[in-house]
């Protein structure tokens, strides 16, 4: 948490998957869909990068400066 920004990053060095096939991947990986939906419902930004060489990185970021309840 820096400068009123909260960032959660999840990485692995596994096999990754094809981002171009994302809709079908999300059907097979409902956890990714849930993570994206919960992040966006809480006014956050969701990013997903994956490479068959480098693995997968999921990043969720929230701007806390504009939150009313802080």
PDB file of N, CA and C in Angstrom:
ATOM      1  N   UNK A   1       0.854  -1.168   0.000  1.00  0.00           N
ATOM      2  CA  UNK A   1       0.000   0.000   0.000  1.00  0.00           C
ATOM      3  C   UNK A   1       0.903   1.236   0.000  1.00  0.00           C
ATOM      4  N   UNK A   2       0.834   1.999  -1.077  1.00  0.00           N
ATOM      5  CA  UNK A   2       1.655   3.201  -1.215  1.00  0.00           C
ATOM      6  C   UNK A   2       0.816   4.345  -1.748  1.00  0.00           C
ATOM      7  N   UNK A   3       1.063   5.530  -1.232  1.00  0.00           N
ATOM      8  CA  UNK A   3       0.426   6.740  -1.763  1.00  0.00           C
ATOM      9  C   UNK A   3      -1.078   6.570  -1.954  1.00  0.00           C
ATOM     10  N   UNK A   4      -1.738   6.009  -0.942  1.00  0.00           N
ATOM     11  CA  UNK A   4      -3.191   5.816  -0.983  1.00  0.00           C
ATOM     12  C   UNK A   4      -3.636   4.902  -2.119  1.00  0.00           C
ATOM     13  N   UNK A   5      -2.754   3.995  -2.541  1.00  0.00           N
ATOM     14  CA  UNK A   5      -3.092   2.986  -3.544  1.00  0.00           C
ATOM     15  C   UNK A   5      -2.811   1.617  -2.951  1.00  0.00           C
ATOM     16  N   UNK A   6      -3.776   0.759  -3.027  1.00  0.00           N
ATOM     17  CA  UNK A   6      -3.614  -0.616  -2.559  1.00  0.00           C
ATOM     18  C   UNK A   6      -3.461  -1.505  -3.785  1.00  0.00           C
ATOM     19  N   UNK A   7      -2.400  -2.294  -3.802  1.00  0.00           N
ATOM     20  CA  UNK A   7      -2.129  -3.163  -4.951  1.00  0.00           C
ATOM     21  C   UNK A   7      -1.927  -4.588  -4.451  1.00  0.00           C
ATOM     22  N   UNK A   8      -2.652  -5.504  -5.056  1.00  0.00           N
ATOM     23  CA  UNK A   8      -2.504  -6.927  -4.774  1.00  0.00           C
ATOM     24  C   UNK A   8      -2.053  -7.593  -6.065  1.00  0.00           C
ATOM     25  N   UNK A   9      -0.944  -8.307  -5.981  1.00  0.00           N
ATOM     26  CA  UNK A   9      -0.396  -8.959  -7.161  1.00  0.00           C
ATOM     27  C   UNK A   9      -0.170 -10.430  -6.854  1.00  0.00           C
ATOM     28  N   UNK A  10      -0.644 -11.278  -7.742  1.00  0.00           N
ATOM     29  CA  UNK A  10      -0.466 -12.723  -7.619  1.00  0.00           C
ATOM     30  C   UNK A  10       0.278 -13.185  -8.858  1.00  0.00           C
ATOM     31  N   UNK A  11       1.407 -13.867  -8.650  1.00  0.00           N
ATOM     32  CA  UNK A  11       2.234 -14.330  -9.769  1.00  0.00           C
ATOM     33  C   UNK A  11       2.534 -15.815  -9.623  1.00  0.00           C
ATOM     34  N   UNK A  12       2.723 -16.444 -10.740  1.00  0.00           N
ATOM     35  CA  UNK A  12       3.270 -17.795 -10.732  1.00  0.00           C
ATOM     36  C   UNK A  12       4.217 -17.939 -11.917  1.00  0.00           C
ATOM     37  N   UNK A  13       4.988 -18.987 -11.891  1.00  0.00           N
ATOM     38  CA  UNK A  13       5.911 -19.238 -13.005  1.00  0.00           C
ATOM     39  C   UNK A  13       5.523 -20.545 -13.698  1.00  0.00           C
ATOM     40  N   UNK A  14       4.221 -20.778 -13.762  1.00  0.00           N
ATOM     41  CA  UNK A  14       3.696 -22.003 -14.371  1.00  0.00           C
ATOM     42  C   UNK A  14       3.631 -21.917 -15.883  1.00  0.00           C
ATOM     43  N   UNK A  15       2.724 -22.680 -16.455  1.00  0.00           N
ATOM     44  CA  UNK A  15       2.597 -22.787 -17.907  1.00  0.00           C
ATOM     45  C   UNK A  15       1.868 -21.620 -18.543  1.00  0.00           C
ATOM     46  N   UNK A  16       1.086 -20.878 -17.783  1.00  0.00           N
ATOM     47  CA  UNK A  16       0.331 -19.774 -18.359  1.00  0.00           C
ATOM     48  C   UNK A  16      -0.759 -20.273 -19.294  1.00  0.00           C
ATOM     49  N   UNK A  17      -1.398 -19.342 -19.989  1.00  0.00           N
ATOM     50  CA  UNK A  17      -2.418 -19.705 -20.968  1.00  0.00           C
ATOM     51  C   UNK A  17      -2.543 -18.588 -21.985  1.00  0.00           C
ATOM     52  N   UNK A  18      -3.267 -18.846 -23.042  1.00  0.00           N
ATOM     53  CA  UNK A  18      -3.422 -17.919 -24.161  1.00  0.00           C
ATOM     54  C   UNK A  18      -4.463 -16.857 -23.805  1.00  0.00           C
ATOM     55  N   UNK A  19      -4.040 -15.606 -23.670  1.00  0.00           N
ATOM     56  CA  UNK A  19      -4.947 -14.501 -23.336  1.00  0.00           C
ATOM     57  C   UNK A  19      -5.999 -14.314 -24.431  1.00  0.00           C
ATOM     58  N   UNK A  20      -5.642 -14.592 -25.674  1.00  0.00           N
ATOM     59  CA  UNK A  20      -6.592 -14.435 -26.783  1.00  0.00           C
ATOM     60  C   UNK A  20      -7.805 -15.354 -26.602  1.00  0.00           C
ATOM     61  N   UNK A  21      -7.612 -16.472 -25.900  1.00  0.00           N
ATOM     62  CA  UNK A  21      -8.705 -17.413 -25.653  1.00  0.00           C
ATOM     63  C   UNK A  21      -9.367 -17.128 -24.301  1.00  0.00           C
ATOM     64  N   UNK A  22      -9.241 -15.900 -23.824  1.00  0.00           N
ATOM     65  CA  UNK A  22      -9.689 -15.542 -22.472  1.00  0.00           C
ATOM     66  C   UNK A  22     -11.143 -15.890 -22.179  1.00  0.00           C
ATOM     67  N   UNK A  23     -12.105 -15.577 -23.058  1.00  0.00           N
ATOM     68  CA  UNK A  23     -13.486 -15.949 -22.696  1.00  0.00           C
ATOM     69  C   UNK A  23     -13.643 -17.434 -22.401  1.00  0.00           C
ATOM     70  N   UNK A  24     -13.034 -18.289 -23.196  1.00  0.00           N
ATOM     71  CA  UNK A  24     -13.156 -19.719 -22.927  1.00  0.00           C
ATOM     72  C   UNK A  24     -12.334 -20.117 -21.699  1.00  0.00           C
ATOM     73  N   UNK A  25     -11.206 -19.450 -21.464  1.00  0.00           N
ATOM     74  CA  UNK A  25     -10.414 -19.721 -20.269  1.00  0.00           C
ATOM     75  C   UNK A  25     -11.200 -19.347 -19.016  1.00  0.00           C
ATOM     76  N   UNK A  26     -11.906 -18.204 -19.053  1.00  0.00           N
ATOM     77  CA  UNK A  26     -12.672 -17.786 -17.886  1.00  0.00           C
ATOM     78  C   UNK A  26     -13.794 -18.760 -17.585  1.00  0.00           C
ATOM     79  N   UNK A  27     -14.357 -19.388 -18.609  1.00  0.00           N
ATOM     80  CA  UNK A  27     -15.373 -20.407 -18.376  1.00  0.00           C
ATOM     81  C   UNK A  27     -14.776 -21.612 -17.656  1.00  0.00           C
ATOM     82  N   UNK A  28     -13.531 -21.924 -17.970  1.00  0.00           N
ATOM     83  CA  UNK A  28     -12.858 -23.054 -17.320  1.00  0.00           C
ATOM     84  C   UNK A  28     -12.259 -22.662 -15.979  1.00  0.00           C
ATOM     85  N   UNK A  29     -12.067 -21.362 -15.747  1.00  0.00           N
ATOM     86  CA  UNK A  29     -11.436 -20.867 -14.531  1.00  0.00           C
ATOM     87  C   UNK A  29     -12.361 -19.843 -13.862  1.00  0.00           C
ATOM     88  N   UNK A  30     -13.445 -20.303 -13.234  1.00  0.00           N
ATOM     89  CA  UNK A  30     -14.407 -19.362 -12.653  1.00  0.00           C
ATOM     90  C   UNK A  30     -13.803 -18.492 -11.561  1.00  0.00           C
ATOM     91  N   UNK A  31     -12.712 -18.913 -10.939  1.00  0.00           N
ATOM     92  CA  UNK A  31     -12.079 -18.080  -9.921  1.00  0.00           C
ATOM     93  C   UNK A  31     -11.574 -16.774 -10.512  1.00  0.00           C
ATOM     94  N   UNK A  32     -11.068 -16.807 -11.747  1.00  0.00           N
ATOM     95  CA  UNK A  32     -10.612 -15.578 -12.397  1.00  0.00           C
ATOM     96  C   UNK A  32     -11.781 -14.625 -12.627  1.00  0.00           C
ATOM     97  N   UNK A  33     -12.915 -15.158 -13.043  1.00  0.00           N
ATOM     98  CA  UNK A  33     -14.106 -14.333 -13.256  1.00  0.00           C
ATOM     99  C   UNK A  33     -14.529 -13.686 -11.949  1.00  0.00           C
ATOM    100  N   UNK A  34     -14.552 -14.455 -10.871  1.00  0.00           N
ATOM    101  CA  UNK A  34     -14.951 -13.918  -9.568  1.00  0.00           C
ATOM    102  C   UNK A  34     -13.998 -12.830  -9.097  1.00  0.00           C
ATOM    103  N   UNK A  35     -12.705 -13.058  -9.261  1.00  0.00           N
ATOM    104  CA  UNK A  35     -11.721 -12.058  -8.841  1.00  0.00           C
ATOM    105  C   UNK A  35     -11.919 -10.756  -9.605  1.00  0.00           C
ATOM    106  N   UNK A  36     -12.146 -10.858 -10.904  1.00  0.00           N
ATOM    107  CA  UNK A  36     -12.355  -9.667 -11.731  1.00  0.00           C
ATOM    108  C   UNK A  36     -13.636  -8.937 -11.297  1.00  0.00           C
ATOM    109  N   UNK A  37     -14.713  -9.677 -11.106  1.00  0.00           N
ATOM    110  CA  UNK A  37     -15.984  -9.063 -10.724  1.00  0.00           C
ATOM    111  C   UNK A  37     -15.898  -8.386  -9.354  1.00  0.00           C
ATOM    112  N   UNK A  38     -15.320  -9.061  -8.363  1.00  0.00           N
ATOM    113  CA  UNK A  38     -15.201  -8.467  -7.031  1.00  0.00           C
ATOM    114  C   UNK A  38     -14.317  -7.228  -7.045  1.00  0.00           C
ATOM    115  N   UNK A  39     -13.249  -7.276  -7.828  1.00  0.00           N
ATOM    116  CA  UNK A  39     -12.362  -6.104  -7.917  1.00  0.00           C
ATOM    117  C   UNK A  39     -13.107  -4.918  -8.512  1.00  0.00           C
ATOM    118  N   UNK A  40     -13.812  -5.142  -9.593  1.00  0.00           N
ATOM    119  CA  UNK A  40     -14.529  -4.047 -10.249  1.00  0.00           C
ATOM    120  C   UNK A  40     -15.709  -3.559  -9.405  1.00  0.00           C
ATOM    121  N   UNK A  41     -16.388  -4.455  -8.693  1.00  0.00           N
ATOM    122  CA  UNK A  41     -17.487  -4.044  -7.820  1.00  0.00           C
ATOM    123  C   UNK A  41     -17.002  -3.171  -6.666  1.00  0.00           C
ATOM    124  N   UNK A  42     -15.767  -3.369  -6.251  1.00  0.00           N
ATOM    125  CA  UNK A  42     -15.199  -2.556  -5.172  1.00  0.00           C
ATOM    126  C   UNK A  42     -14.391  -1.385  -5.724  1.00  0.00           C
ATOM    127  N   UNK A  43     -14.692  -0.995  -6.960  1.00  0.00           N
ATOM    128  CA  UNK A  43     -14.094   0.168  -7.627  1.00  0.00           C
ATOM    129  C   UNK A  43     -12.595   0.022  -7.852  1.00  0.00           C
ATOM    130  N   UNK A  44     -12.151  -1.200  -8.077  1.00  0.00           N
ATOM    131  CA  UNK A  44     -10.750  -1.448  -8.362  1.00  0.00           C
ATOM    132  C   UNK A  44     -10.521  -1.725  -9.835  1.00  0.00           C
ATOM    133  N   UNK A  45      -9.259  -1.866 -10.181  1.00  0.00           N
ATOM    134  CA  UNK A  45      -8.864  -2.203 -11.546  1.00  0.00           C
ATOM    135  C   UNK A  45      -8.254  -3.602 -11.529  1.00  0.00           C
ATOM    136  N   UNK A  46      -8.587  -4.397 -12.533  1.00  0.00           N
ATOM    137  CA  UNK A  46      -8.129  -5.776 -12.633  1.00  0.00           C
ATOM    138  C   UNK A  46      -7.300  -5.926 -13.891  1.00  0.00           C
ATOM    139  N   UNK A  47      -6.147  -6.569 -13.762  1.00  0.00           N
ATOM    140  CA  UNK A  47      -5.277  -6.800 -14.904  1.00  0.00           C
ATOM    141  C   UNK A  47      -4.810  -8.254 -14.865  1.00  0.00           C
ATOM    142  N   UNK A  48      -4.788  -8.870 -16.031  1.00  0.00           N
ATOM    143  CA  UNK A  48      -4.350 -10.259 -16.140  1.00  0.00           C
ATOM    144  C   UNK A  48      -3.380 -10.368 -17.303  1.00  0.00           C
ATOM    145  N   UNK A  49      -2.182 -10.888 -17.012  1.00  0.00           N
ATOM    146  CA  UNK A  49      -1.187 -11.140 -18.052  1.00  0.00           C
ATOM    147  C   UNK A  49      -0.762 -12.606 -17.931  1.00  0.00           C
ATOM    148  N   UNK A  50      -0.577 -13.245 -19.055  1.00  0.00           N
ATOM    149  CA  UNK A  50      -0.150 -14.637 -19.018  1.00  0.00           C
ATOM    150  C   UNK A  50       0.704 -14.941 -20.237  1.00  0.00           C
ATOM    151  N   UNK A  51       1.710 -15.748 -20.007  1.00  0.00           N
ATOM    152  CA  UNK A  51       2.613 -16.164 -21.072  1.00  0.00           C
ATOM    153  C   UNK A  51       2.999 -17.610 -20.819  1.00  0.00           C
ATOM    154  N   UNK A  52       3.057 -18.394 -21.858  1.00  0.00           N
ATOM    155  CA  UNK A  52       3.433 -19.789 -21.692  1.00  0.00           C
ATOM    156  C   UNK A  52       4.888 -19.933 -21.270  1.00  0.00           C
ATOM    157  N   UNK A  53       5.651 -18.871 -21.392  1.00  0.00           N
ATOM    158  CA  UNK A  53       7.055 -18.891 -20.989  1.00  0.00           C
ATOM    159  C   UNK A  53       7.234 -18.349 -19.571  1.00  0.00           C
ATOM    160  N   UNK A  54       6.489 -17.277 -19.226  1.00  0.00           N
ATOM    161  CA  UNK A  54       6.703 -16.581 -17.954  1.00  0.00           C
ATOM    162  C   UNK A  54       5.632 -16.849 -16.896  1.00  0.00           C
ATOM    163  N   UNK A  55       4.573 -17.568 -17.202  1.00  0.00           N
ATOM    164  CA  UNK A  55       3.522 -17.816 -16.222  1.00  0.00           C
ATOM    165  C   UNK A  55       2.444 -16.753 -16.270  1.00  0.00           C
ATOM    166  N   UNK A  56       1.755 -16.568 -15.152  1.00  0.00           N
ATOM    167  CA  UNK A  56       0.602 -15.681 -15.085  1.00  0.00           C
ATOM    168  C   UNK A  56       0.792 -14.637 -13.990  1.00  0.00           C
ATOM    169  N   UNK A  57       0.308 -13.417 -14.234  1.00  0.00           N
ATOM    170  CA  UNK A  57       0.319 -12.346 -13.238  1.00  0.00           C
ATOM    171  C   UNK A  57      -1.078 -11.734 -13.196  1.00  0.00           C
ATOM    172  N   UNK A  58      -1.671 -11.740 -12.021  1.00  0.00           N
ATOM    173  CA  UNK A  58      -2.970 -11.104 -11.791  1.00  0.00           C
ATOM    174  C   UNK A  58      -2.709  -9.914 -10.886  1.00  0.00           C
ATOM    175  N   UNK A  59      -3.193  -8.750 -11.288  1.00  0.00           N
ATOM    176  CA  UNK A  59      -2.966  -7.532 -10.514  1.00  0.00           C
ATOM    177  C   UNK A  59      -4.296  -6.830 -10.269  1.00  0.00           C
ATOM    178  N   UNK A  60      -4.551  -6.501  -9.005  1.00  0.00           N
ATOM    179  CA  UNK A  60      -5.742  -5.757  -8.616  1.00  0.00           C
ATOM    180  C   UNK A  60      -5.286  -4.506  -7.885  1.00  0.00           C
ATOM    181  N   UNK A  61      -5.831  -3.353  -8.270  1.00  0.00           N
ATOM    182  CA  UNK A  61      -5.402  -2.077  -7.714  1.00  0.00           C
ATOM    183  C   UNK A  61      -6.613  -1.243  -7.329  1.00  0.00           C
ATOM    184  N   UNK A  62      -6.540  -0.634  -6.142  1.00  0.00           N
ATOM    185  CA  UNK A  62      -7.597   0.253  -5.677  1.00  0.00           C
ATOM    186  C   UNK A  62      -7.012   1.603  -5.309  1.00  0.00           C
ATOM    187  N   UNK A  63      -7.649   2.676  -5.764  1.00  0.00           N
ATOM    188  CA  UNK A  63      -7.266   4.037  -5.405  1.00  0.00           C
ATOM    189  C   UNK A  63      -8.006   4.377  -4.114  1.00  0.00           C
ATOM    190  N   UNK A  64      -7.286   4.445  -3.011  1.00  0.00           N
ATOM    191  CA  UNK A  64      -7.908   4.684  -1.718  1.00  0.00           C
ATOM    192  C   UNK A  64      -8.135   6.166  -1.430  1.00  0.00           C
ATOM    193  N   UNK A  65      -7.500   7.053  -2.180  1.00  0.00           N
ATOM    194  CA  UNK A  65      -7.612   8.484  -1.926  1.00  0.00           C
ATOM    195  C   UNK A  65      -9.029   9.004  -2.102  1.00  0.00           C
ATOM    196  N   UNK A  66      -9.785   8.422  -3.008  1.00  0.00           N
ATOM    197  CA  UNK A  66     -11.127   8.905  -3.293  1.00  0.00           C
ATOM    198  C   UNK A  66     -12.213   8.125  -2.567  1.00  0.00           C
ATOM    199  N   UNK A  67     -11.852   7.221  -1.658  1.00  0.00           N
ATOM    200  CA  UNK A  67     -12.833   6.429  -0.937  1.00  0.00           C
ATOM    201  C   UNK A  67     -13.435   7.259   0.190  1.00  0.00           C
ATOM    202  N   UNK A  68     -14.726   7.239   0.326  1.00  0.00           N
ATOM    203  CA  UNK A  68     -15.422   8.030   1.355  1.00  0.00           C
ATOM    204  C   UNK A  68     -15.238   7.488   2.759  1.00  0.00           C
ATOM    205  N   UNK A  69     -15.061   6.182   2.899  1.00  0.00           N
ATOM    206  CA  UNK A  69     -15.034   5.586   4.221  1.00  0.00           C
ATOM    207  C   UNK A  69     -13.644   5.548   4.861  1.00  0.00           C
ATOM    208  N   UNK A  70     -12.674   6.291   4.337  1.00  0.00           N
ATOM    209  CA  UNK A  70     -11.332   6.334   4.927  1.00  0.00           C
ATOM    210  C   UNK A  70     -11.169   7.534   5.818  1.00  0.00           C
TER     211      UNK A  70
END
